[in-house]
Amino acid sequence: MATTVTSKGQVTIPKPVRDRLGIQPGTAVDFELAPDGRVVLVKLDGPVQPSRFEVLRGRAGKGPSTAEIMALTRGEG
């Protein structure tokens, strides 16, 4: 089953493969690199765990405004 890679690096998983693995919209999958160079698509049992950086996204508080930063760089504050 051949498919074409889009300009964004995306491919459509052929329907027979989705059916065989039980892949539906929202299903988490992983790509494993085999020692012989093949890539294996694996259906994951649960949701994808966020990276340590994604966990921290949105945690910073509101910072100074541009005007406040400019005032500090000019020595006005």
C-alpha atoms as a PDB file:
ATOM      1  CA  MET A   1       0.000   0.000   0.000  1.00  0.00           C
ATOM      2  CA  ALA A   2       1.733   3.127  -1.198  1.00  0.00           C
ATOM      3  CA  THR A   3       0.903   6.663  -0.152  1.00  0.00           C
ATOM      4  CA  THR A   4       2.372  10.098  -0.869  1.00  0.00           C
ATOM      5  CA  VAL A   5       3.970  12.458   1.640  1.00  0.00           C
ATOM      6  CA  THR A   6       2.511  15.983   1.630  1.00  0.00           C
ATOM      7  CA  SER A   7       4.579  19.172   1.698  1.00  0.00           C
ATOM      8  CA  LYS A   8       3.995  19.233   5.485  1.00  0.00           C
ATOM      9  CA  GLY A   9       5.453  15.728   5.899  1.00  0.00           C
ATOM     10  CA  GLN A  10       2.057  14.134   6.473  1.00  0.00           C
ATOM     11  CA  VAL A  11       0.752  10.841   5.116  1.00  0.00           C
ATOM     12  CA  THR A  12      -2.642   9.192   5.177  1.00  0.00           C
ATOM     13  CA  ILE A  13      -2.656   5.803   6.881  1.00  0.00           C
ATOM     14  CA  PRO A  14      -4.411   3.464   4.431  1.00  0.00           C
ATOM     15  CA  LYS A  15      -7.866   2.311   5.559  1.00  0.00           C
ATOM     16  CA  PRO A  16      -6.963  -1.405   5.698  1.00  0.00           C
ATOM     17  CA  VAL A  17      -4.107  -0.551   8.115  1.00  0.00           C
ATOM     18  CA  ARG A  18      -6.350   1.690  10.244  1.00  0.00           C
ATOM     19  CA  ASP A  19      -8.984  -1.046  10.353  1.00  0.00           C
ATOM     20  CA  ARG A  20      -6.455  -3.757  11.242  1.00  0.00           C
ATOM     21  CA  LEU A  21      -4.957  -1.716  14.084  1.00  0.00           C
ATOM     22  CA  GLY A  22      -8.252  -0.178  15.236  1.00  0.00           C
ATOM     23  CA  ILE A  23      -6.988   3.344  14.603  1.00  0.00           C
ATOM     24  CA  GLN A  24      -9.692   6.011  14.757  1.00  0.00           C
ATOM     25  CA  PRO A  25      -9.520   9.816  14.883  1.00  0.00           C
ATOM     26  CA  GLY A  26      -7.742  10.794  18.101  1.00  0.00           C
ATOM     27  CA  THR A  27      -5.919   7.457  18.465  1.00  0.00           C
ATOM     28  CA  ALA A  28      -2.300   7.857  19.614  1.00  0.00           C
ATOM     29  CA  VAL A  29       0.315   6.114  17.468  1.00  0.00           C
ATOM     30  CA  ASP A  30       4.083   5.815  17.572  1.00  0.00           C
ATOM     31  CA  PHE A  31       6.717   5.212  14.928  1.00  0.00           C
ATOM     32  CA  GLU A  32       9.485   2.776  15.847  1.00  0.00           C
ATOM     33  CA  LEU A  33      12.702   2.458  13.881  1.00  0.00           C
ATOM     34  CA  ALA A  34      13.600  -1.197  13.270  1.00  0.00           C
ATOM     35  CA  PRO A  35      17.268  -2.248  13.127  1.00  0.00           C
ATOM     36  CA  ASP A  36      16.907  -3.136   9.437  1.00  0.00           C
ATOM     37  CA  GLY A  37      15.807   0.427   8.561  1.00  0.00           C
ATOM     38  CA  ARG A  38      12.063  -0.187   8.426  1.00  0.00           C
ATOM     39  CA  VAL A  39       9.646   2.058  10.279  1.00  0.00           C
ATOM     40  CA  VAL A  40       6.907   0.321  12.271  1.00  0.00           C
ATOM     41  CA  LEU A  41       3.600   2.026  13.081  1.00  0.00           C
ATOM     42  CA  VAL A  42       2.352   1.067  16.545  1.00  0.00           C
ATOM     43  CA  LYS A  43      -1.020   1.908  18.086  1.00  0.00           C
ATOM     44  CA  LEU A  44      -0.597   3.161  21.652  1.00  0.00           C
ATOM     45  CA  ASP A  45      -2.945   2.058  24.414  1.00  0.00           C
ATOM     46  CA  GLY A  46      -3.376   5.461  26.013  1.00  0.00           C
ATOM     47  CA  PRO A  47      -2.901   9.136  25.268  1.00  0.00           C
ATOM     48  CA  VAL A  48       0.506  10.486  24.314  1.00  0.00           C
ATOM     49  CA  GLN A  49       2.387  11.777  27.352  1.00  0.00           C
ATOM     50  CA  PRO A  50       3.308  15.468  26.988  1.00  0.00           C
ATOM     51  CA  SER A  51       6.992  16.349  26.821  1.00  0.00           C
ATOM     52  CA  ARG A  52       8.617  18.040  29.803  1.00  0.00           C
ATOM     53  CA  PHE A  53       8.457  21.308  27.849  1.00  0.00           C
ATOM     54  CA  GLU A  54       4.765  20.977  27.005  1.00  0.00           C
ATOM     55  CA  VAL A  55       4.028  20.464  30.706  1.00  0.00           C
ATOM     56  CA  LEU A  56       5.544  23.886  31.446  1.00  0.00           C
ATOM     57  CA  ARG A  57       3.802  25.720  28.569  1.00  0.00           C
ATOM     58  CA  GLY A  58       1.703  28.615  29.821  1.00  0.00           C
ATOM     59  CA  ARG A  59       3.168  28.594  33.358  1.00  0.00           C
ATOM     60  CA  ALA A  60       4.959  31.941  33.201  1.00  0.00           C
ATOM     61  CA  GLY A  61       3.137  34.874  34.695  1.00  0.00           C
ATOM     62  CA  LYS A  62       2.312  38.095  32.924  1.00  0.00           C
ATOM     63  CA  GLY A  63       5.533  39.942  32.224  1.00  0.00           C
ATOM     64  CA  PRO A  64       6.184  43.640  31.815  1.00  0.00           C
ATOM     65  CA  SER A  65       4.692  45.469  28.848  1.00  0.00           C
ATOM     66  CA  THR A  66       6.819  46.644  25.934  1.00  0.00           C
ATOM     67  CA  ALA A  67       6.596  50.208  27.216  1.00  0.00           C
ATOM     68  CA  GLU A  68       7.858  49.114  30.657  1.00  0.00           C
ATOM     69  CA  ILE A  69      10.755  47.193  29.115  1.00  0.00           C
ATOM     70  CA  MET A  70      11.706  50.166  26.937  1.00  0.00           C
ATOM     71  CA  ALA A  71      11.577  52.476  29.970  1.00  0.00           C
ATOM     72  CA  LEU A  72      13.922  50.139  31.863  1.00  0.00           C
ATOM     73  CA  THR A  73      16.389  49.977  28.965  1.00  0.00           C
ATOM     74  CA  ARG A  74      16.427  53.788  28.834  1.00  0.00           C
ATOM     75  CA  GLY A  75      17.029  54.004  32.567  1.00  0.00           C
ATOM     76  CA  GLU A  76      13.666  55.639  33.201  1.00  0.00           C
ATOM     77  CA  GLY A  77      12.433  53.142  35.741  1.00  0.00           C
END
